[in-house]
Amino acid sequence: MKRTLSILLSILGFYFMWLGLYSLVGPILLPFSFTEPYSVYLYTAASTLPLGLGIRFLALFGLTRQERFKKLLKDSLIVLSLVVLLTFITKVSMFLRSRS
């Protein structure tokens, strides 16, 4: 039961971390501006990043506090690099589409 709960919390935490990081990085790297209702949604979604970090932190039951922070930092950097890569690929594909 404890293992299942840990896996479910990890998945939920990664989802919220991904959503929060994408909503923070996406508007900076994407070449177009967002309409007002969508930007409000992005600011709301950006507040999910701390929620995802907290859920992920709680999902690491058997580790000490220092081990939890190391693993959480590593996970955050991996997710951030994936988000930056995704938004960069989106920006390049939009640029290439506009040229043709």
PDB file of N, CA and C in Angstrom:
ATOM      1  N   MET A   1       0.825  -1.191   0.000  1.00  0.00           N
ATOM      2  CA  MET A   1       0.000   0.000   0.000  1.00  0.00           C
ATOM      3  C   MET A   1       0.872   1.259   0.000  1.00  0.00           C
ATOM      4  N   LYS A   2       1.909   1.240   0.821  1.00  0.00           N
ATOM      5  CA  LYS A   2       2.787   2.405   0.900  1.00  0.00           C
ATOM      6  C   LYS A   2       3.513   2.629  -0.422  1.00  0.00           C
ATOM      7  N   ARG A   3       3.933   1.544  -1.053  1.00  0.00           N
ATOM      8  CA  ARG A   3       4.637   1.631  -2.345  1.00  0.00           C
ATOM      9  C   ARG A   3       3.701   2.167  -3.433  1.00  0.00           C
ATOM     10  N   THR A   4       2.457   1.686  -3.454  1.00  0.00           N
ATOM     11  CA  THR A   4       1.478   2.147  -4.436  1.00  0.00           C
ATOM     12  C   THR A   4       1.184   3.625  -4.253  1.00  0.00           C
ATOM     13  N   LEU A   5       1.013   4.055  -3.015  1.00  0.00           N
ATOM     14  CA  LEU A   5       0.764   5.463  -2.737  1.00  0.00           C
ATOM     15  C   LEU A   5       1.950   6.320  -3.154  1.00  0.00           C
ATOM     16  N   SER A   6       3.146   5.831  -2.929  1.00  0.00           N
ATOM     17  CA  SER A   6       4.343   6.563  -3.333  1.00  0.00           C
ATOM     18  C   SER A   6       4.407   6.727  -4.848  1.00  0.00           C
ATOM     19  N   ILE A   7       4.078   5.677  -5.583  1.00  0.00           N
ATOM     20  CA  ILE A   7       4.095   5.753  -7.048  1.00  0.00           C
ATOM     21  C   ILE A   7       3.027   6.716  -7.552  1.00  0.00           C
ATOM     22  N   LEU A   8       1.824   6.641  -7.005  1.00  0.00           N
ATOM     23  CA  LEU A   8       0.754   7.543  -7.434  1.00  0.00           C
ATOM     24  C   LEU A   8       1.081   8.999  -7.123  1.00  0.00           C
ATOM     25  N   LEU A   9       1.636   9.257  -5.943  1.00  0.00           N
ATOM     26  CA  LEU A   9       2.015  10.627  -5.599  1.00  0.00           C
ATOM     27  C   LEU A   9       3.154  11.129  -6.477  1.00  0.00           C
ATOM     28  N   SER A  10       4.079  10.258  -6.831  1.00  0.00           N
ATOM     29  CA  SER A  10       5.171  10.657  -7.724  1.00  0.00           C
ATOM     30  C   SER A  10       4.642  11.058  -9.091  1.00  0.00           C
ATOM     31  N   ILE A  11       3.727  10.273  -9.626  1.00  0.00           N
ATOM     32  CA  ILE A  11       3.148  10.591 -10.931  1.00  0.00           C
ATOM     33  C   ILE A  11       2.375  11.899 -10.868  1.00  0.00           C
ATOM     34  N   LEU A  12       1.579  12.076  -9.835  1.00  0.00           N
ATOM     35  CA  LEU A  12       0.815  13.312  -9.684  1.00  0.00           C
ATOM     36  C   LEU A  12       1.736  14.514  -9.497  1.00  0.00           C
ATOM     37  N   GLY A  13       2.786  14.345  -8.709  1.00  0.00           N
ATOM     38  CA  GLY A  13       3.746  15.426  -8.508  1.00  0.00           C
ATOM     39  C   GLY A  13       4.468  15.802  -9.784  1.00  0.00           C
ATOM     40  N   PHE A  14       4.889  14.803 -10.581  1.00  0.00           N
ATOM     41  CA  PHE A  14       5.542  15.092 -11.859  1.00  0.00           C
ATOM     42  C   PHE A  14       4.593  15.812 -12.809  1.00  0.00           C
ATOM     43  N   TYR A  15       3.316  15.433 -12.806  1.00  0.00           N
ATOM     44  CA  TYR A  15       2.344  16.094 -13.675  1.00  0.00           C
ATOM     45  C   TYR A  15       2.225  17.575 -13.313  1.00  0.00           C
ATOM     46  N   PHE A  16       2.084  17.874 -12.032  1.00  0.00           N
ATOM     47  CA  PHE A  16       1.961  19.268 -11.622  1.00  0.00           C
ATOM     48  C   PHE A  16       3.254  20.043 -11.856  1.00  0.00           C
ATOM     49  N   MET A  17       4.402  19.396 -11.665  1.00  0.00           N
ATOM     50  CA  MET A  17       5.674  20.066 -11.947  1.00  0.00           C
ATOM     51  C   MET A  17       5.784  20.391 -13.433  1.00  0.00           C
ATOM     52  N   TRP A  18       5.420  19.458 -14.289  1.00  0.00           N
ATOM     53  CA  TRP A  18       5.472  19.667 -15.731  1.00  0.00           C
ATOM     54  C   TRP A  18       4.542  20.814 -16.134  1.00  0.00           C
ATOM     55  N   LEU A  19       3.319  20.792 -15.637  1.00  0.00           N
ATOM     56  CA  LEU A  19       2.351  21.834 -15.971  1.00  0.00           C
ATOM     57  C   LEU A  19       2.823  23.196 -15.484  1.00  0.00           C
ATOM     58  N   GLY A  20       3.323  23.267 -14.268  1.00  0.00           N
ATOM     59  CA  GLY A  20       3.788  24.540 -13.732  1.00  0.00           C
ATOM     60  C   GLY A  20       5.004  25.078 -14.455  1.00  0.00           C
ATOM     61  N   LEU A  21       5.973  24.218 -14.747  1.00  0.00           N
ATOM     62  CA  LEU A  21       7.168  24.681 -15.458  1.00  0.00           C
ATOM     63  C   LEU A  21       6.849  25.082 -16.891  1.00  0.00           C
ATOM     64  N   TYR A  22       5.965  24.347 -17.556  1.00  0.00           N
ATOM     65  CA  TYR A  22       5.613  24.714 -18.926  1.00  0.00           C
ATOM     66  C   TYR A  22       4.876  26.043 -18.956  1.00  0.00           C
ATOM     67  N   SER A  23       4.020  26.284 -17.985  1.00  0.00           N
ATOM     68  CA  SER A  23       3.294  27.551 -17.976  1.00  0.00           C
ATOM     69  C   SER A  23       4.194  28.716 -17.589  1.00  0.00           C
ATOM     70  N   LEU A  24       5.303  28.448 -16.910  1.00  0.00           N
ATOM     71  CA  LEU A  24       6.256  29.519 -16.617  1.00  0.00           C
ATOM     72  C   LEU A  24       7.189  29.794 -17.789  1.00  0.00           C
ATOM     73  N   VAL A  25       7.664  28.743 -18.450  1.00  0.00           N
ATOM     74  CA  VAL A  25       8.655  28.893 -19.514  1.00  0.00           C
ATOM     75  C   VAL A  25       7.996  29.154 -20.859  1.00  0.00           C
ATOM     76  N   GLY A  26       6.833  28.576 -21.091  1.00  0.00           N
ATOM     77  CA  GLY A  26       6.170  28.679 -22.384  1.00  0.00           C
ATOM     78  C   GLY A  26       5.946  30.098 -22.883  1.00  0.00           C
ATOM     79  N   PRO A  27       5.344  30.993 -22.107  1.00  0.00           N
ATOM     80  CA  PRO A  27       5.112  32.349 -22.605  1.00  0.00           C
ATOM     81  C   PRO A  27       6.394  33.128 -22.900  1.00  0.00           C
ATOM     82  N   ILE A  28       7.484  32.775 -22.254  1.00  0.00           N
ATOM     83  CA  ILE A  28       8.744  33.478 -22.500  1.00  0.00           C
ATOM     84  C   ILE A  28       9.327  33.064 -23.846  1.00  0.00           C
ATOM     85  N   LEU A  29       9.283  31.774 -24.152  1.00  0.00           N
ATOM     86  CA  LEU A  29       9.935  31.267 -25.351  1.00  0.00           C
ATOM     87  C   LEU A  29       9.044  31.232 -26.582  1.00  0.00           C
ATOM     88  N   LEU A  30       7.734  31.201 -26.414  1.00  0.00           N
ATOM     89  CA  LEU A  30       6.862  31.142 -27.579  1.00  0.00           C
ATOM     90  C   LEU A  30       6.762  32.524 -28.218  1.00  0.00           C
ATOM     91  N   PRO A  31       6.704  32.597 -29.554  1.00  0.00           N
ATOM     92  CA  PRO A  31       6.822  33.885 -30.240  1.00  0.00           C
ATOM     93  C   PRO A  31       5.545  34.707 -30.315  1.00  0.00           C
ATOM     94  N   PHE A  32       4.440  34.246 -29.778  1.00  0.00           N
ATOM     95  CA  PHE A  32       3.201  35.009 -29.883  1.00  0.00           C
ATOM     96  C   PHE A  32       2.697  35.355 -28.490  1.00  0.00           C
ATOM     97  N   SER A  33       1.884  36.405 -28.420  1.00  0.00           N
ATOM     98  CA  SER A  33       1.326  36.805 -27.124  1.00  0.00           C
ATOM     99  C   SER A  33      -0.001  36.079 -26.911  1.00  0.00           C
ATOM    100  N   PHE A  34      -0.351  35.924 -25.666  1.00  0.00           N
ATOM    101  CA  PHE A  34      -1.573  35.217 -25.322  1.00  0.00           C
ATOM    102  C   PHE A  34      -2.690  36.215 -25.051  1.00  0.00           C
ATOM    103  N   THR A  35      -3.913  35.803 -25.347  1.00  0.00           N
ATOM    104  CA  THR A  35      -5.055  36.650 -25.035  1.00  0.00           C
ATOM    105  C   THR A  35      -5.246  36.687 -23.524  1.00  0.00           C
ATOM    106  N   GLU A  36      -6.062  37.610 -23.070  1.00  0.00           N
ATOM    107  CA  GLU A  36      -6.217  37.826 -21.629  1.00  0.00           C
ATOM    108  C   GLU A  36      -6.746  36.606 -20.873  1.00  0.00           C
ATOM    109  N   PRO A  37      -7.800  35.932 -21.327  1.00  0.00           N
ATOM    110  CA  PRO A  37      -8.246  34.766 -20.542  1.00  0.00           C
ATOM    111  C   PRO A  37      -7.195  33.663 -20.471  1.00  0.00           C
ATOM    112  N   TYR A  38      -6.435  33.499 -21.550  1.00  0.00           N
ATOM    113  CA  TYR A  38      -5.428  32.447 -21.554  1.00  0.00           C
ATOM    114  C   TYR A  38      -4.264  32.793 -20.637  1.00  0.00           C
ATOM    115  N   SER A  39      -3.889  34.071 -20.578  1.00  0.00           N
ATOM    116  CA  SER A  39      -2.787  34.448 -19.694  1.00  0.00           C
ATOM    117  C   SER A  39      -3.189  34.280 -18.228  1.00  0.00           C
ATOM    118  N   VAL A  40      -4.440  34.526 -17.900  1.00  0.00           N
ATOM    119  CA  VAL A  40      -4.912  34.285 -16.531  1.00  0.00           C
ATOM    120  C   VAL A  40      -4.818  32.798 -16.211  1.00  0.00           C
ATOM    121  N   TYR A  41      -5.153  31.956 -17.187  1.00  0.00           N
ATOM    122  CA  TYR A  41      -5.035  30.515 -16.987  1.00  0.00           C
ATOM    123  C   TYR A  41      -3.578  30.122 -16.763  1.00  0.00           C
ATOM    124  N   LEU A  42      -2.663  30.748 -17.508  1.00  0.00           N
ATOM    125  CA  LEU A  42      -1.246  30.421 -17.345  1.00  0.00           C
ATOM    126  C   LEU A  42      -0.744  30.811 -15.961  1.00  0.00           C
ATOM    127  N   TYR A  43      -1.166  31.971 -15.462  1.00  0.00           N
ATOM    128  CA  TYR A  43      -0.737  32.373 -14.125  1.00  0.00           C
ATOM    129  C   TYR A  43      -1.302  31.429 -13.068  1.00  0.00           C
ATOM    130  N   THR A  44      -2.520  30.972 -13.266  1.00  0.00           N
ATOM    131  CA  THR A  44      -3.113  30.012 -12.340  1.00  0.00           C
ATOM    132  C   THR A  44      -2.377  28.676 -12.400  1.00  0.00           C
ATOM    133  N   ALA A  45      -2.046  28.241 -13.609  1.00  0.00           N
ATOM    134  CA  ALA A  45      -1.336  26.968 -13.756  1.00  0.00           C
ATOM    135  C   ALA A  45       0.075  27.056 -13.208  1.00  0.00           C
ATOM    136  N   ALA A  46       0.683  28.239 -13.276  1.00  0.00           N
ATOM    137  CA  ALA A  46       2.041  28.388 -12.759  1.00  0.00           C
ATOM    138  C   ALA A  46       2.087  28.201 -11.247  1.00  0.00           C
ATOM    139  N   SER A  47       0.981  28.435 -10.592  1.00  0.00           N
ATOM    140  CA  SER A  47       0.956  28.222  -9.147  1.00  0.00           C
ATOM    141  C   SER A  47       0.929  26.738  -8.794  1.00  0.00           C
ATOM    142  N   THR A  48       0.760  25.873  -9.787  1.00  0.00           N
ATOM    143  CA  THR A  48       0.773  24.438  -9.508  1.00  0.00           C
ATOM    144  C   THR A  48       2.180  23.889  -9.349  1.00  0.00           C
ATOM    145  N   LEU A  49       3.196  24.649  -9.737  1.00  0.00           N
ATOM    146  CA  LEU A  49       4.572  24.170  -9.594  1.00  0.00           C
ATOM    147  C   LEU A  49       4.925  23.882  -8.134  1.00  0.00           C
ATOM    148  N   PRO A  50       4.670  24.809  -7.198  1.00  0.00           N
ATOM    149  CA  PRO A  50       4.967  24.464  -5.798  1.00  0.00           C
ATOM    150  C   PRO A  50       4.131  23.291  -5.283  1.00  0.00           C
ATOM    151  N   LEU A  51       2.914  23.167  -5.779  1.00  0.00           N
ATOM    152  CA  LEU A  51       2.077  22.034  -5.383  1.00  0.00           C
ATOM    153  C   LEU A  51       2.702  20.723  -5.853  1.00  0.00           C
ATOM    154  N   GLY A  52       3.186  20.697  -7.082  1.00  0.00           N
ATOM    155  CA  GLY A  52       3.838  19.497  -7.605  1.00  0.00           C
ATOM    156  C   GLY A  52       5.106  19.162  -6.854  1.00  0.00           C
ATOM    157  N   LEU A  53       5.885  20.190  -6.516  1.00  0.00           N
ATOM    158  CA  LEU A  53       7.109  19.953  -5.750  1.00  0.00           C
ATOM    159  C   LEU A  53       6.795  19.394  -4.365  1.00  0.00           C
ATOM    160  N   GLY A  54       5.749  19.918  -3.748  1.00  0.00           N
ATOM    161  CA  GLY A  54       5.362  19.423  -2.427  1.00  0.00           C
ATOM    162  C   GLY A  54       4.869  17.989  -2.464  1.00  0.00           C
ATOM    163  N   ILE A  55       4.053  17.668  -3.462  1.00  0.00           N
ATOM    164  CA  ILE A  55       3.558  16.293  -3.593  1.00  0.00           C
ATOM    165  C   ILE A  55       4.711  15.342  -3.856  1.00  0.00           C
ATOM    166  N   ARG A  56       5.626  15.756  -4.720  1.00  0.00           N
ATOM    167  CA  ARG A  56       6.784  14.902  -5.030  1.00  0.00           C
ATOM    168  C   ARG A  56       7.655  14.716  -3.787  1.00  0.00           C
ATOM    169  N   PHE A  57       7.808  15.773  -2.996  1.00  0.00           N
ATOM    170  CA  PHE A  57       8.594  15.692  -1.770  1.00  0.00           C
ATOM    171  C   PHE A  57       7.972  14.707  -0.786  1.00  0.00           C
ATOM    172  N   LEU A  58       6.652  14.742  -0.662  1.00  0.00           N
ATOM    173  CA  LEU A  58       5.967  13.823   0.246  1.00  0.00           C
ATOM    174  C   LEU A  58       5.991  12.385  -0.254  1.00  0.00           C
ATOM    175  N   ALA A  59       6.130  12.198  -1.569  1.00  0.00           N
ATOM    176  CA  ALA A  59       6.117  10.846  -2.130  1.00  0.00           C
ATOM    177  C   ALA A  59       7.398  10.078  -1.825  1.00  0.00           C
ATOM    178  N   LEU A  60       8.433  10.757  -1.390  1.00  0.00           N
ATOM    179  CA  LEU A  60       9.708  10.098  -1.093  1.00  0.00           C
ATOM    180  C   LEU A  60       9.741   9.714   0.385  1.00  0.00           C
ATOM    181  N   PHE A  61       8.979   8.700   0.751  1.00  0.00           N
ATOM    182  CA  PHE A  61       8.787   8.337   2.153  1.00  0.00           C
ATOM    183  C   PHE A  61      10.062   7.900   2.860  1.00  0.00           C
ATOM    184  N   GLY A  62      10.787   6.962   2.284  1.00  0.00           N
ATOM    185  CA  GLY A  62      11.849   6.282   3.004  1.00  0.00           C
ATOM    186  C   GLY A  62      13.182   6.993   3.040  1.00  0.00           C
ATOM    187  N   LEU A  63      13.271   8.197   2.531  1.00  0.00           N
ATOM    188  CA  LEU A  63      14.555   8.889   2.445  1.00  0.00           C
ATOM    189  C   LEU A  63      14.680   9.956   3.525  1.00  0.00           C
ATOM    190  N   THR A  64      15.911  10.331   3.823  1.00  0.00           N
ATOM    191  CA  THR A  64      16.119  11.437   4.753  1.00  0.00           C
ATOM    192  C   THR A  64      15.806  12.752   4.047  1.00  0.00           C
ATOM    193  N   ARG A  65      15.750  13.809   4.810  1.00  0.00           N
ATOM    194  CA  ARG A  65      15.404  15.114   4.246  1.00  0.00           C
ATOM    195  C   ARG A  65      16.428  15.567   3.210  1.00  0.00           C
ATOM    196  N   GLN A  66      17.708  15.345   3.474  1.00  0.00           N
ATOM    197  CA  GLN A  66      18.745  15.754   2.530  1.00  0.00           C
ATOM    198  C   GLN A  66      18.660  14.942   1.234  1.00  0.00           C
ATOM    199  N   GLU A  67      18.403  13.651   1.338  1.00  0.00           N
ATOM    200  CA  GLU A  67      18.245  12.818   0.140  1.00  0.00           C
ATOM    201  C   GLU A  67      17.014  13.226  -0.653  1.00  0.00           C
ATOM    202  N   ARG A  68      15.941  13.601   0.056  1.00  0.00           N
ATOM    203  CA  ARG A  68      14.733  14.071  -0.630  1.00  0.00           C
ATOM    204  C   ARG A  68      15.021  15.327  -1.440  1.00  0.00           C
ATOM    205  N   PHE A  69      15.728  16.301  -0.840  1.00  0.00           N
ATOM    206  CA  PHE A  69      16.013  17.545  -1.548  1.00  0.00           C
ATOM    207  C   PHE A  69      16.917  17.313  -2.753  1.00  0.00           C
ATOM    208  N   LYS A  70      17.897  16.414  -2.623  1.00  0.00           N
ATOM    209  CA  LYS A  70      18.768  16.106  -3.764  1.00  0.00           C
ATOM    210  C   LYS A  70      17.965  15.502  -4.907  1.00  0.00           C
ATOM    211  N   LYS A  71      17.112  14.546  -4.584  1.00  0.00           N
ATOM    212  CA  LYS A  71      16.305  13.896  -5.615  1.00  0.00           C
ATOM    213  C   LYS A  71      15.301  14.872  -6.221  1.00  0.00           C
ATOM    214  N   LEU A  72      14.731  15.738  -5.397  1.00  0.00           N
ATOM    215  CA  LEU A  72      13.771  16.721  -5.885  1.00  0.00           C
ATOM    216  C   LEU A  72      14.442  17.743  -6.794  1.00  0.00           C
ATOM    217  N   LEU A  73      15.650  18.162  -6.456  1.00  0.00           N
ATOM    218  CA  LEU A  73      16.390  19.098  -7.300  1.00  0.00           C
ATOM    219  C   LEU A  73      16.731  18.456  -8.637  1.00  0.00           C
ATOM    220  N   LYS A  74      17.175  17.218  -8.607  1.00  0.00           N
ATOM    221  CA  LYS A  74      17.501  16.506  -9.848  1.00  0.00           C
ATOM    222  C   LYS A  74      16.261  16.353 -10.723  1.00  0.00           C
ATOM    223  N   ASP A  75      15.133  15.972 -10.123  1.00  0.00           N
ATOM    224  CA  ASP A  75      13.895  15.821 -10.885  1.00  0.00           C
ATOM    225  C   ASP A  75      13.445  17.153 -11.479  1.00  0.00           C
ATOM    226  N   SER A  76      13.572  18.233 -10.705  1.00  0.00           N
ATOM    227  CA  SER A  76      13.172  19.551 -11.200  1.00  0.00           C
ATOM    228  C   SER A  76      14.033  19.987 -12.376  1.00  0.00           C
ATOM    229  N   LEU A  77      15.334  19.744 -12.305  1.00  0.00           N
ATOM    230  CA  LEU A  77      16.211  20.119 -13.411  1.00  0.00           C
ATOM    231  C   LEU A  77      15.921  19.296 -14.661  1.00  0.00           C
ATOM    232  N   ILE A  78      15.612  18.025 -14.494  1.00  0.00           N
ATOM    233  CA  ILE A  78      15.271  17.189 -15.646  1.00  0.00           C
ATOM    234  C   ILE A  78      13.979  17.673 -16.294  1.00  0.00           C
ATOM    235  N   VAL A  79      12.963  17.934 -15.485  1.00  0.00           N
ATOM    236  CA  VAL A  79      11.692  18.402 -16.032  1.00  0.00           C
ATOM    237  C   VAL A  79      11.864  19.773 -16.674  1.00  0.00           C
ATOM    238  N   LEU A  80      12.650  20.668 -16.051  1.00  0.00           N
ATOM    239  CA  LEU A  80      12.879  21.991 -16.632  1.00  0.00           C
ATOM    240  C   LEU A  80      13.585  21.885 -17.978  1.00  0.00           C
ATOM    241  N   SER A  81      14.581  21.018 -18.088  1.00  0.00           N
ATOM    242  CA  SER A  81      15.279  20.874 -19.369  1.00  0.00           C
ATOM    243  C   SER A  81      14.349  20.309 -20.437  1.00  0.00           C
ATOM    244  N   LEU A  82      13.476  19.382 -20.074  1.00  0.00           N
ATOM    245  CA  LEU A  82      12.517  18.860 -21.044  1.00  0.00           C
ATOM    246  C   LEU A  82      11.524  19.926 -21.487  1.00  0.00           C
ATOM    247  N   VAL A  83      11.083  20.767 -20.554  1.00  0.00           N
ATOM    248  CA  VAL A  83      10.149  21.836 -20.902  1.00  0.00           C
ATOM    249  C   VAL A  83      10.808  22.848 -21.824  1.00  0.00           C
ATOM    250  N   VAL A  84      12.042  23.243 -21.520  1.00  0.00           N
ATOM    251  CA  VAL A  84      12.751  24.196 -22.377  1.00  0.00           C
ATOM    252  C   VAL A  84      12.966  23.598 -23.762  1.00  0.00           C
ATOM    253  N   LEU A  85      13.320  22.334 -23.838  1.00  0.00           N
ATOM    254  CA  LEU A  85      13.507  21.675 -25.126  1.00  0.00           C
ATOM    255  C   LEU A  85      12.199  21.642 -25.916  1.00  0.00           C
ATOM    256  N   LEU A  86      11.097  21.328 -25.255  1.00  0.00           N
ATOM    257  CA  LEU A  86       9.802  21.283 -25.925  1.00  0.00           C
ATOM    258  C   LEU A  86       9.396  22.651 -26.461  1.00  0.00           C
ATOM    259  N   THR A  87       9.553  23.698 -25.665  1.00  0.00           N
ATOM    260  CA  THR A  87       9.170  25.029 -26.131  1.00  0.00           C
ATOM    261  C   THR A  87      10.106  25.520 -27.225  1.00  0.00           C
ATOM    262  N   PHE A  88      11.383  25.176 -27.164  1.00  0.00           N
ATOM    263  CA  PHE A  88      12.316  25.561 -28.223  1.00  0.00           C
ATOM    264  C   PHE A  88      11.958  24.874 -29.535  1.00  0.00           C
ATOM    265  N   ILE A  89      11.629  23.593 -29.476  1.00  0.00           N
ATOM    266  CA  ILE A  89      11.224  22.874 -30.688  1.00  0.00           C
ATOM    267  C   ILE A  89       9.943  23.473 -31.255  1.00  0.00           C
ATOM    268  N   THR A  90       9.017  23.857 -30.390  1.00  0.00           N
ATOM    269  CA  THR A  90       7.785  24.497 -30.846  1.00  0.00           C
ATOM    270  C   THR A  90       8.085  25.813 -31.538  1.00  0.00           C
ATOM    271  N   LYS A  91       8.980  26.606 -30.957  1.00  0.00           N
ATOM    272  CA  LYS A  91       9.326  27.899 -31.543  1.00  0.00           C
ATOM    273  C   LYS A  91      10.013  27.718 -32.895  1.00  0.00           C
ATOM    274  N   VAL A  92      10.925  26.778 -33.002  1.00  0.00           N
ATOM    275  CA  VAL A  92      11.626  26.534 -34.265  1.00  0.00           C
ATOM    276  C   VAL A  92      10.656  26.027 -35.326  1.00  0.00           C
ATOM    277  N   SER A  93       9.751  25.142 -34.954  1.00  0.00           N
ATOM    278  CA  SER A  93       8.796  24.630 -35.941  1.00  0.00           C
ATOM    279  C   SER A  93       7.861  25.731 -36.424  1.00  0.00           C
ATOM    280  N   MET A  94       7.453  26.646 -35.542  1.00  0.00           N
ATOM    281  CA  MET A  94       6.615  27.766 -35.972  1.00  0.00           C
ATOM    282  C   MET A  94       7.396  28.703 -36.883  1.00  0.00           C
ATOM    283  N   PHE A  95       8.674  28.915 -36.610  1.00  0.00           N
ATOM    284  CA  PHE A  95       9.505  29.755 -37.467  1.00  0.00           C
ATOM    285  C   PHE A  95       9.661  29.129 -38.846  1.00  0.00           C
ATOM    286  N   LEU A  96       9.919  27.829 -38.888  1.00  0.00           N
ATOM    287  CA  LEU A  96      10.080  27.152 -40.175  1.00  0.00           C
ATOM    288  C   LEU A  96       8.771  27.118 -40.960  1.00  0.00           C
ATOM    289  N   ARG A  97       7.668  26.982 -40.271  1.00  0.00           N
ATOM    290  CA  ARG A  97       6.370  26.992 -40.941  1.00  0.00           C
ATOM    291  C   ARG A  97       6.068  28.368 -41.521  1.00  0.00           C
ATOM    292  N   SER A  98       6.464  29.431 -40.831  1.00  0.00           N
ATOM    293  CA  SER A  98       6.200  30.781 -41.335  1.00  0.00           C
ATOM    294  C   SER A  98       7.084  31.120 -42.534  1.00  0.00           C
ATOM    295  N   ARG A  99       8.237  30.497 -42.657  1.00  0.00           N
ATOM    296  CA  ARG A  99       9.130  30.762 -43.785  1.00  0.00           C
ATOM    297  C   ARG A  99       8.645  30.114 -45.069  1.00  0.00           C
ATOM    298  N   SER A 100       7.904  29.034 -44.959  1.00  0.00           N
ATOM    299  CA  SER A 100       7.482  28.346 -46.185  1.00  0.00           C
ATOM    300  C   SER A 100       6.111  28.776 -46.650  1.00  0.00           C
TER     301      SER A 100
END
